[in-house]
């Protein structure tokens, strides 16, 4: 009887330890989700202010990168939360790209830095660079990408009527 009680206590202690660690990871994911949503609400409020919208897009991208890293390295500790936050992160990538696509044609943000995850649908490879396309948005890279989507960090320019994120130009944020 005493042996069974000791075994039960050990199991309960292990369960408590697991729940504590899983809770800490999930709480961190939750706070990052809330931070992304707060920035997202700010971009809606700033719909007539391209500079503030761009700031929000860059902020959401940075926070979402952190969320993805937590998911990749320790998110497995809580599998259901991992799946939920992976879906949230993917949806955030979509929102950022859609917002950027709408925003990038604004003349006031030309030559400003931007960072986002880019889901491309077509690639044109040239001798010295590659152009990726998705809808009416394009990105210029020094080399062909190894994945889809890819993380872009570049400068907003125009190529004719097409907004272009040029990753071959580096500007400070």
N, C-alpha and C. Protein backbone atom coordinates (compact mmCIF):
# COMPACT_ATOMS: atom_id res chain seq x y z
N UNK A 1 0.81 -1.19 0.00
CA UNK A 1 0.00 0.00 0.00
C UNK A 1 0.86 1.27 0.00
N UNK A 2 1.90 1.29 0.85
CA UNK A 2 2.80 2.44 0.91
C UNK A 2 3.55 2.59 -0.41
N UNK A 3 3.93 1.46 -0.99
CA UNK A 3 4.65 1.48 -2.26
C UNK A 3 3.78 2.09 -3.37
N UNK A 4 2.52 1.73 -3.41
CA UNK A 4 1.59 2.28 -4.39
C UNK A 4 1.41 3.79 -4.19
N UNK A 5 1.35 4.23 -2.96
CA UNK A 5 1.20 5.65 -2.65
C UNK A 5 2.43 6.43 -3.10
N UNK A 6 3.63 5.87 -2.87
CA UNK A 6 4.87 6.52 -3.30
C UNK A 6 4.94 6.60 -4.82
N UNK A 7 4.53 5.54 -5.50
CA UNK A 7 4.52 5.53 -6.96
C UNK A 7 3.54 6.58 -7.48
N UNK A 8 2.39 6.67 -6.86
CA UNK A 8 1.39 7.66 -7.26
C UNK A 8 1.93 9.07 -7.07
N UNK A 9 2.62 9.32 -5.95
CA UNK A 9 3.21 10.64 -5.70
C UNK A 9 4.25 10.99 -6.76
N UNK A 10 5.08 10.03 -7.13
CA UNK A 10 6.10 10.26 -8.16
C UNK A 10 5.45 10.60 -9.50
N UNK A 11 4.41 9.85 -9.83
CA UNK A 11 3.71 10.10 -11.10
C UNK A 11 3.08 11.49 -11.08
N UNK A 12 2.47 11.85 -9.96
CA UNK A 12 1.85 13.17 -9.85
C UNK A 12 2.88 14.29 -9.93
N UNK A 13 4.05 14.09 -9.31
CA UNK A 13 5.12 15.09 -9.39
C UNK A 13 5.61 15.25 -10.83
N UNK A 14 5.78 14.14 -11.53
CA UNK A 14 6.19 14.20 -12.94
C UNK A 14 5.13 14.90 -13.79
N UNK A 15 3.87 14.59 -13.54
CA UNK A 15 2.77 15.23 -14.26
C UNK A 15 2.76 16.73 -13.98
N UNK A 16 2.96 17.11 -12.73
CA UNK A 16 3.01 18.52 -12.37
C UNK A 16 4.18 19.22 -13.06
N UNK A 17 5.33 18.56 -13.09
CA UNK A 17 6.50 19.15 -13.77
C UNK A 17 6.20 19.34 -15.26
N UNK A 18 5.61 18.32 -15.89
CA UNK A 18 5.27 18.43 -17.32
C UNK A 18 4.30 19.58 -17.55
N UNK A 19 3.23 19.65 -16.74
CA UNK A 19 2.24 20.70 -16.93
C UNK A 19 2.83 22.09 -16.71
N UNK A 20 3.76 22.21 -15.77
CA UNK A 20 4.41 23.49 -15.52
C UNK A 20 5.24 23.92 -16.73
N UNK A 21 6.03 23.01 -17.27
CA UNK A 21 6.87 23.33 -18.44
C UNK A 21 6.00 23.60 -19.66
N UNK A 22 5.02 22.72 -19.91
CA UNK A 22 4.13 22.91 -21.06
C UNK A 22 3.36 24.22 -20.93
N UNK A 23 2.94 24.55 -19.72
CA UNK A 23 2.23 25.81 -19.49
C UNK A 23 3.09 27.02 -19.74
N UNK A 24 4.36 26.96 -19.35
CA UNK A 24 5.26 28.08 -19.60
C UNK A 24 5.48 28.29 -21.10
N UNK A 25 5.64 27.20 -21.84
CA UNK A 25 5.83 27.30 -23.29
C UNK A 25 4.56 27.85 -23.94
N UNK A 26 3.42 27.29 -23.58
CA UNK A 26 2.15 27.71 -24.18
C UNK A 26 1.82 29.15 -23.81
N UNK A 27 2.13 29.57 -22.59
CA UNK A 27 1.87 30.95 -22.20
C UNK A 27 2.72 31.91 -23.04
N UNK A 28 3.97 31.53 -23.30
CA UNK A 28 4.83 32.36 -24.14
C UNK A 28 4.25 32.46 -25.55
N UNK A 29 3.79 31.34 -26.10
CA UNK A 29 3.17 31.35 -27.43
C UNK A 29 1.94 32.26 -27.43
N UNK A 30 1.15 32.17 -26.38
CA UNK A 30 -0.06 32.98 -26.26
C UNK A 30 0.27 34.48 -26.24
N UNK A 31 1.28 34.86 -25.47
CA UNK A 31 1.66 36.28 -25.39
C UNK A 31 2.15 36.77 -26.75
N UNK A 32 2.91 35.94 -27.47
CA UNK A 32 3.35 36.33 -28.81
C UNK A 32 2.16 36.48 -29.76
N UNK A 33 1.20 35.57 -29.65
CA UNK A 33 -0.01 35.69 -30.47
C UNK A 33 -0.72 37.01 -30.18
N UNK A 34 -0.86 37.35 -28.91
CA UNK A 34 -1.52 38.59 -28.53
C UNK A 34 -0.75 39.81 -29.05
N UNK A 35 0.58 39.74 -29.01
CA UNK A 35 1.39 40.84 -29.52
C UNK A 35 1.17 41.02 -31.03
N UNK A 36 1.12 39.92 -31.76
CA UNK A 36 0.85 39.99 -33.20
C UNK A 36 -0.52 40.61 -33.45
N UNK A 37 -1.52 40.17 -32.69
CA UNK A 37 -2.86 40.71 -32.88
C UNK A 37 -2.93 42.20 -32.55
N UNK A 38 -2.22 42.62 -31.52
CA UNK A 38 -2.19 44.04 -31.17
C UNK A 38 -1.58 44.86 -32.31
N UNK A 39 -0.48 44.37 -32.87
CA UNK A 39 0.14 45.06 -34.02
C UNK A 39 -0.81 45.04 -35.22
N UNK A 40 -1.51 43.93 -35.41
CA UNK A 40 -2.46 43.82 -36.52
C UNK A 40 -3.58 44.86 -36.38
N UNK A 41 -4.11 45.02 -35.17
CA UNK A 41 -5.15 46.03 -34.95
C UNK A 41 -4.60 47.42 -35.25
N UNK A 42 -3.34 47.65 -34.91
CA UNK A 42 -2.72 48.93 -35.20
C UNK A 42 -2.61 49.19 -36.69
N UNK A 43 -2.33 48.14 -37.47
CA UNK A 43 -2.23 48.35 -38.92
C UNK A 43 -3.60 48.68 -39.51
N UNK A 44 -4.67 48.14 -38.93
CA UNK A 44 -6.01 48.51 -39.40
C UNK A 44 -6.29 49.98 -39.10
N UNK A 45 -5.91 50.41 -37.91
CA UNK A 45 -6.13 51.82 -37.54
C UNK A 45 -5.32 52.77 -38.40
N UNK A 46 -4.19 52.30 -38.89
CA UNK A 46 -3.27 53.14 -39.66
C UNK A 46 -3.46 52.96 -41.16
N UNK A 47 -4.65 52.59 -41.59
CA UNK A 47 -4.85 52.29 -43.00
C UNK A 47 -4.56 53.48 -43.91
N UNK A 48 -4.60 54.70 -43.39
CA UNK A 48 -4.31 55.89 -44.20
C UNK A 48 -2.91 56.45 -43.92
N UNK A 49 -2.11 55.71 -43.16
CA UNK A 49 -0.76 56.15 -42.82
C UNK A 49 0.23 55.05 -43.22
N UNK A 50 0.76 55.10 -44.45
CA UNK A 50 1.62 54.03 -44.94
C UNK A 50 2.85 53.76 -44.07
N UNK A 51 3.44 54.82 -43.52
CA UNK A 51 4.65 54.62 -42.70
C UNK A 51 4.34 53.81 -41.44
N UNK A 52 3.21 54.11 -40.79
CA UNK A 52 2.83 53.38 -39.58
C UNK A 52 2.43 51.95 -39.93
N UNK A 53 1.74 51.75 -41.05
CA UNK A 53 1.39 50.40 -41.48
C UNK A 53 2.65 49.58 -41.74
N UNK A 54 3.64 50.19 -42.38
CA UNK A 54 4.89 49.48 -42.64
C UNK A 54 5.58 49.11 -41.34
N UNK A 55 5.57 50.01 -40.37
CA UNK A 55 6.14 49.71 -39.05
C UNK A 55 5.42 48.51 -38.44
N UNK A 56 4.08 48.47 -38.54
CA UNK A 56 3.31 47.34 -38.01
C UNK A 56 3.61 46.04 -38.73
N UNK A 57 3.77 46.10 -40.04
CA UNK A 57 4.10 44.90 -40.82
C UNK A 57 5.45 44.35 -40.38
N UNK A 58 6.44 45.22 -40.25
CA UNK A 58 7.76 44.77 -39.82
C UNK A 58 7.73 44.21 -38.39
N UNK A 59 6.94 44.84 -37.52
CA UNK A 59 6.82 44.36 -36.14
C UNK A 59 6.16 42.99 -36.09
N UNK A 60 5.05 42.81 -36.83
CA UNK A 60 4.38 41.50 -36.86
C UNK A 60 5.31 40.43 -37.41
N UNK A 61 6.08 40.76 -38.43
CA UNK A 61 7.00 39.79 -39.02
C UNK A 61 8.06 39.37 -38.01
N UNK A 62 8.59 40.31 -37.26
CA UNK A 62 9.60 40.00 -36.26
C UNK A 62 9.04 39.12 -35.14
N UNK A 63 7.87 39.47 -34.64
CA UNK A 63 7.25 38.68 -33.58
C UNK A 63 6.90 37.28 -34.09
N UNK A 64 6.40 37.20 -35.32
CA UNK A 64 6.02 35.91 -35.89
C UNK A 64 7.25 35.01 -36.08
N UNK A 65 8.39 35.60 -36.41
CA UNK A 65 9.63 34.82 -36.51
C UNK A 65 9.97 34.21 -35.15
N UNK A 66 9.82 34.98 -34.08
CA UNK A 66 10.07 34.45 -32.74
C UNK A 66 9.11 33.31 -32.41
N UNK A 67 7.83 33.49 -32.74
CA UNK A 67 6.84 32.44 -32.50
C UNK A 67 7.20 31.17 -33.26
N UNK A 68 7.64 31.31 -34.50
CA UNK A 68 8.03 30.13 -35.29
C UNK A 68 9.23 29.42 -34.66
N UNK A 69 10.19 30.18 -34.14
CA UNK A 69 11.36 29.57 -33.51
C UNK A 69 10.96 28.81 -32.24
N UNK A 70 10.09 29.38 -31.45
CA UNK A 70 9.62 28.67 -30.25
C UNK A 70 8.90 27.40 -30.65
N UNK A 71 8.05 27.49 -31.66
CA UNK A 71 7.34 26.30 -32.14
C UNK A 71 8.32 25.23 -32.60
N UNK A 72 9.33 25.64 -33.35
CA UNK A 72 10.28 24.68 -33.93
C UNK A 72 11.11 23.99 -32.86
N UNK A 73 11.58 24.74 -31.87
CA UNK A 73 12.54 24.18 -30.92
C UNK A 73 11.93 23.58 -29.65
N UNK A 74 10.84 24.18 -29.14
CA UNK A 74 10.28 23.62 -27.91
C UNK A 74 8.76 23.45 -27.96
N UNK A 75 8.13 23.80 -29.06
CA UNK A 75 6.68 23.69 -29.17
C UNK A 75 6.17 22.27 -29.10
N UNK A 76 7.02 21.30 -29.42
CA UNK A 76 6.62 19.89 -29.40
C UNK A 76 6.20 19.44 -28.01
N UNK A 77 6.57 20.19 -26.98
CA UNK A 77 6.25 19.77 -25.62
C UNK A 77 4.73 19.77 -25.39
N UNK A 78 4.01 20.55 -26.19
CA UNK A 78 2.55 20.58 -26.10
C UNK A 78 2.00 20.47 -27.53
N UNK A 79 1.81 19.25 -28.02
CA UNK A 79 1.47 19.03 -29.43
C UNK A 79 0.23 19.77 -29.94
N UNK A 80 -0.81 19.86 -29.14
CA UNK A 80 -2.02 20.56 -29.61
C UNK A 80 -1.76 22.07 -29.74
N UNK A 81 -1.05 22.64 -28.80
CA UNK A 81 -0.70 24.06 -28.90
C UNK A 81 0.23 24.28 -30.10
N UNK A 82 1.15 23.35 -30.32
CA UNK A 82 2.05 23.45 -31.47
C UNK A 82 1.26 23.56 -32.77
N UNK A 83 0.28 22.68 -32.96
CA UNK A 83 -0.53 22.72 -34.19
C UNK A 83 -1.31 24.03 -34.29
N UNK A 84 -1.87 24.47 -33.20
CA UNK A 84 -2.64 25.71 -33.21
C UNK A 84 -1.77 26.91 -33.55
N UNK A 85 -0.62 27.00 -32.91
CA UNK A 85 0.24 28.17 -33.15
C UNK A 85 0.96 28.10 -34.49
N UNK A 86 1.17 26.91 -35.03
CA UNK A 86 1.68 26.82 -36.40
C UNK A 86 0.65 27.38 -37.37
N UNK A 87 -0.61 27.03 -37.17
CA UNK A 87 -1.68 27.56 -38.02
C UNK A 87 -1.79 29.07 -37.88
N UNK A 88 -1.72 29.56 -36.65
CA UNK A 88 -1.78 31.01 -36.43
C UNK A 88 -0.62 31.71 -37.13
N UNK A 89 0.56 31.13 -37.04
CA UNK A 89 1.74 31.71 -37.66
C UNK A 89 1.61 31.75 -39.19
N UNK A 90 1.07 30.68 -39.76
CA UNK A 90 0.86 30.64 -41.21
C UNK A 90 -0.16 31.70 -41.62
N UNK A 91 -1.24 31.82 -40.86
CA UNK A 91 -2.24 32.85 -41.15
C UNK A 91 -1.64 34.25 -41.01
N UNK A 92 -0.75 34.43 -40.06
CA UNK A 92 -0.09 35.73 -39.88
C UNK A 92 0.79 36.04 -41.09
N UNK A 93 1.52 35.03 -41.59
CA UNK A 93 2.31 35.23 -42.81
C UNK A 93 1.42 35.72 -43.95
N UNK A 94 0.25 35.10 -44.11
CA UNK A 94 -0.68 35.50 -45.16
C UNK A 94 -1.13 36.95 -44.95
N UNK A 95 -1.51 37.30 -43.72
CA UNK A 95 -1.96 38.67 -43.45
C UNK A 95 -0.85 39.67 -43.76
N UNK A 96 0.36 39.36 -43.36
CA UNK A 96 1.48 40.27 -43.60
C UNK A 96 1.70 40.45 -45.10
N UNK A 97 1.71 39.36 -45.85
CA UNK A 97 1.93 39.46 -47.29
C UNK A 97 0.78 40.22 -47.96
N UNK A 98 -0.46 39.96 -47.56
CA UNK A 98 -1.60 40.66 -48.15
C UNK A 98 -1.52 42.16 -47.82
N UNK A 99 -1.16 42.49 -46.58
CA UNK A 99 -1.03 43.89 -46.19
C UNK A 99 0.10 44.57 -46.95
N UNK A 100 1.20 43.87 -47.09
CA UNK A 100 2.35 44.43 -47.82
C UNK A 100 1.99 44.64 -49.28
N UNK A 101 1.30 43.70 -49.86
CA UNK A 101 0.91 43.81 -51.26
C UNK A 101 0.05 45.05 -51.49
N UNK A 102 -0.85 45.32 -50.58
CA UNK A 102 -1.71 46.50 -50.67
C UNK A 102 -0.93 47.79 -50.42
N UNK A 103 0.02 47.73 -49.53
CA UNK A 103 0.74 48.92 -49.08
C UNK A 103 1.89 49.33 -49.99
N UNK A 104 2.54 48.38 -50.62
CA UNK A 104 3.81 48.66 -51.28
C UNK A 104 3.73 49.62 -52.45
N UNK A 105 2.57 49.82 -53.02
CA UNK A 105 2.45 50.75 -54.14
C UNK A 105 2.42 52.21 -53.67
N UNK A 106 2.37 52.44 -52.37
CA UNK A 106 2.32 53.81 -51.86
C UNK A 106 3.67 54.50 -52.08
N UNK A 107 3.69 55.63 -52.78
CA UNK A 107 4.96 56.32 -53.05
C UNK A 107 5.72 56.75 -51.80
N UNK A 108 5.01 56.98 -50.69
CA UNK A 108 5.68 57.50 -49.50
C UNK A 108 6.55 56.46 -48.80
N UNK A 109 6.42 55.20 -49.13
CA UNK A 109 7.25 54.20 -48.46
C UNK A 109 8.34 53.62 -49.38
N UNK A 110 8.49 54.20 -50.54
CA UNK A 110 9.56 53.74 -51.43
C UNK A 110 10.91 53.94 -50.76
N UNK A 111 11.81 53.02 -50.99
CA UNK A 111 13.18 53.02 -50.44
C UNK A 111 13.23 52.84 -48.92
N UNK A 112 12.18 52.29 -48.34
CA UNK A 112 12.19 51.99 -46.90
C UNK A 112 12.35 50.49 -46.71
N UNK A 113 12.94 50.08 -45.58
CA UNK A 113 13.16 48.65 -45.34
C UNK A 113 11.87 47.92 -44.96
N UNK A 114 11.79 46.65 -45.35
CA UNK A 114 10.66 45.80 -45.01
C UNK A 114 11.16 44.39 -44.76
N UNK A 115 10.45 43.68 -43.90
CA UNK A 115 10.79 42.29 -43.59
C UNK A 115 9.49 41.49 -43.55
N UNK A 116 9.44 40.38 -44.29
CA UNK A 116 8.24 39.56 -44.29
C UNK A 116 8.54 38.16 -44.82
N UNK A 117 7.61 37.25 -44.56
CA UNK A 117 7.67 35.91 -45.14
C UNK A 117 6.92 35.98 -46.46
N UNK A 118 7.55 35.55 -47.54
CA UNK A 118 7.00 35.70 -48.89
C UNK A 118 6.67 34.34 -49.47
N UNK A 119 5.40 34.13 -49.79
CA UNK A 119 4.93 32.91 -50.46
C UNK A 119 4.90 33.23 -51.95
N UNK A 120 5.83 32.69 -52.69
CA UNK A 120 5.91 33.03 -54.11
C UNK A 120 5.29 31.94 -54.98
N UNK A 121 4.83 32.35 -56.17
CA UNK A 121 4.17 31.41 -57.07
C UNK A 121 4.95 31.20 -58.36
N UNK A 122 5.88 32.11 -58.66
CA UNK A 122 6.63 32.01 -59.92
C UNK A 122 8.02 32.62 -59.72
N UNK A 123 9.02 32.00 -60.33
CA UNK A 123 10.40 32.51 -60.24
C UNK A 123 10.97 32.69 -61.64
N UNK A 124 11.61 33.83 -61.87
CA UNK A 124 12.35 34.09 -63.11
C UNK A 124 13.82 34.20 -62.73
N UNK A 125 14.63 33.27 -63.23
CA UNK A 125 16.06 33.27 -62.92
C UNK A 125 16.84 33.97 -64.02
N UNK A 126 17.65 34.93 -63.62
CA UNK A 126 18.53 35.65 -64.54
C UNK A 126 19.96 35.37 -64.13
N UNK A 127 20.90 35.84 -64.91
CA UNK A 127 22.30 35.52 -64.65
C UNK A 127 22.77 36.05 -63.29
N UNK A 128 22.36 37.26 -62.93
CA UNK A 128 22.88 37.86 -61.70
C UNK A 128 21.86 37.97 -60.57
N UNK A 129 20.61 37.61 -60.81
CA UNK A 129 19.59 37.71 -59.76
C UNK A 129 18.37 36.86 -60.14
N UNK A 130 17.45 36.72 -59.19
CA UNK A 130 16.19 36.00 -59.38
C UNK A 130 15.04 36.92 -58.99
N UNK A 131 13.97 36.90 -59.77
CA UNK A 131 12.76 37.64 -59.43
C UNK A 131 11.68 36.62 -59.06
N UNK A 132 11.13 36.77 -57.85
CA UNK A 132 10.01 35.95 -57.40
C UNK A 132 8.74 36.76 -57.51
N UNK A 133 7.64 36.10 -57.87
CA UNK A 133 6.37 36.80 -58.02
C UNK A 133 5.26 36.09 -57.24
N UNK A 134 4.34 36.92 -56.77
CA UNK A 134 3.12 36.43 -56.14
C UNK A 134 2.08 37.51 -56.35
N UNK A 135 1.11 37.25 -57.21
CA UNK A 135 0.12 38.27 -57.52
C UNK A 135 0.80 39.46 -58.16
N UNK A 136 0.51 40.66 -57.66
CA UNK A 136 1.16 41.87 -58.21
C UNK A 136 2.33 42.34 -57.35
N UNK A 137 2.92 41.42 -56.61
CA UNK A 137 4.07 41.71 -55.76
C UNK A 137 5.26 40.90 -56.24
N UNK A 138 6.45 41.51 -56.22
CA UNK A 138 7.65 40.81 -56.68
C UNK A 138 8.78 41.03 -55.67
N UNK A 139 9.77 40.14 -55.74
CA UNK A 139 10.95 40.25 -54.88
C UNK A 139 12.18 39.94 -55.72
N UNK A 140 13.24 40.70 -55.48
CA UNK A 140 14.51 40.50 -56.19
C UNK A 140 15.53 39.92 -55.22
N UNK A 141 16.10 38.75 -55.59
CA UNK A 141 17.09 38.09 -54.76
C UNK A 141 18.38 37.93 -55.54
N UNK A 142 19.49 37.85 -54.83
CA UNK A 142 20.79 37.66 -55.47
C UNK A 142 20.94 36.24 -56.00
N UNK A 143 20.22 35.28 -55.43
CA UNK A 143 20.32 33.88 -55.84
C UNK A 143 18.94 33.23 -55.75
N UNK A 144 18.72 32.14 -56.47
CA UNK A 144 17.42 31.44 -56.39
C UNK A 144 17.16 30.97 -54.96
N UNK A 145 15.90 30.99 -54.53
CA UNK A 145 15.57 30.57 -53.16
C UNK A 145 15.66 29.06 -53.02
N UNK A 146 15.87 28.62 -51.80
CA UNK A 146 15.93 27.19 -51.50
C UNK A 146 14.63 26.66 -50.92
N UNK A 147 13.67 27.57 -50.65
CA UNK A 147 12.41 27.14 -50.05
C UNK A 147 11.27 28.07 -50.47
N UNK A 148 10.08 27.64 -50.16
CA UNK A 148 8.90 28.46 -50.37
C UNK A 148 7.94 28.14 -49.23
N UNK A 149 7.64 29.10 -48.38
CA UNK A 149 7.96 30.52 -48.44
C UNK A 149 9.38 30.80 -47.98
N UNK A 150 9.79 32.06 -48.18
CA UNK A 150 11.12 32.48 -47.74
C UNK A 150 10.99 33.75 -46.90
N UNK A 151 11.97 33.96 -46.04
CA UNK A 151 12.05 35.20 -45.28
C UNK A 151 12.74 36.24 -46.15
N UNK A 152 12.09 37.38 -46.33
CA UNK A 152 12.68 38.48 -47.10
C UNK A 152 12.99 39.64 -46.18
N UNK A 153 14.12 40.25 -46.42
CA UNK A 153 14.46 41.50 -45.76
C UNK A 153 15.10 42.35 -46.83
N UNK A 154 14.43 43.44 -47.18
CA UNK A 154 14.94 44.25 -48.27
C UNK A 154 14.37 45.65 -48.23
N UNK A 155 14.46 46.31 -49.39
CA UNK A 155 14.03 47.69 -49.53
C UNK A 155 12.90 47.73 -50.56
N UNK A 156 11.89 48.54 -50.29
CA UNK A 156 10.74 48.65 -51.17
C UNK A 156 11.09 49.56 -52.35
N UNK A 157 10.93 49.04 -53.55
CA UNK A 157 11.14 49.83 -54.77
C UNK A 157 9.98 49.53 -55.71
N UNK A 158 10.03 50.12 -56.90
CA UNK A 158 9.03 49.83 -57.93
C UNK A 158 9.77 49.36 -59.18
N UNK A 159 9.17 48.39 -59.86
CA UNK A 159 9.65 47.92 -61.15
C UNK A 159 8.50 48.15 -62.12
N UNK A 160 8.48 49.31 -62.75
CA UNK A 160 7.33 49.70 -63.55
C UNK A 160 6.16 49.94 -62.62
N UNK A 161 5.07 49.20 -62.80
CA UNK A 161 3.89 49.31 -61.94
C UNK A 161 3.89 48.27 -60.83
N UNK A 162 4.94 47.44 -60.76
CA UNK A 162 4.99 46.33 -59.81
C UNK A 162 5.80 46.70 -58.57
N UNK A 163 5.19 46.63 -57.37
CA UNK A 163 5.97 46.82 -56.15
C UNK A 163 7.02 45.70 -56.04
N UNK A 164 8.24 46.08 -55.71
CA UNK A 164 9.35 45.13 -55.66
C UNK A 164 10.07 45.25 -54.33
N UNK A 165 10.29 44.12 -53.67
CA UNK A 165 11.12 44.08 -52.46
C UNK A 165 12.51 43.66 -52.93
N UNK A 166 13.43 44.58 -52.88
CA UNK A 166 14.78 44.33 -53.39
C UNK A 166 15.68 43.92 -52.23
N UNK A 167 16.04 42.63 -52.18
CA UNK A 167 16.88 42.12 -51.09
C UNK A 167 18.36 42.32 -51.39
N UNK A 168 18.67 42.83 -52.57
CA UNK A 168 20.08 43.08 -52.90
C UNK A 168 20.55 44.44 -52.40
N UNK A 169 19.61 45.27 -51.92
CA UNK A 169 19.91 46.57 -51.33
C UNK A 169 19.76 46.43 -49.83
N UNK A 170 20.69 46.93 -49.06
CA UNK A 170 20.58 46.87 -47.59
C UNK A 170 20.48 48.30 -47.05
N UNK A 171 19.43 48.53 -46.27
CA UNK A 171 19.25 49.80 -45.55
C UNK A 171 19.01 49.47 -44.10
N UNK A 172 19.38 50.35 -43.22
CA UNK A 172 19.13 50.15 -41.79
C UNK A 172 17.68 50.43 -41.48
N UNK A 173 17.09 49.61 -40.57
CA UNK A 173 15.69 49.85 -40.13
C UNK A 173 15.59 51.13 -39.37
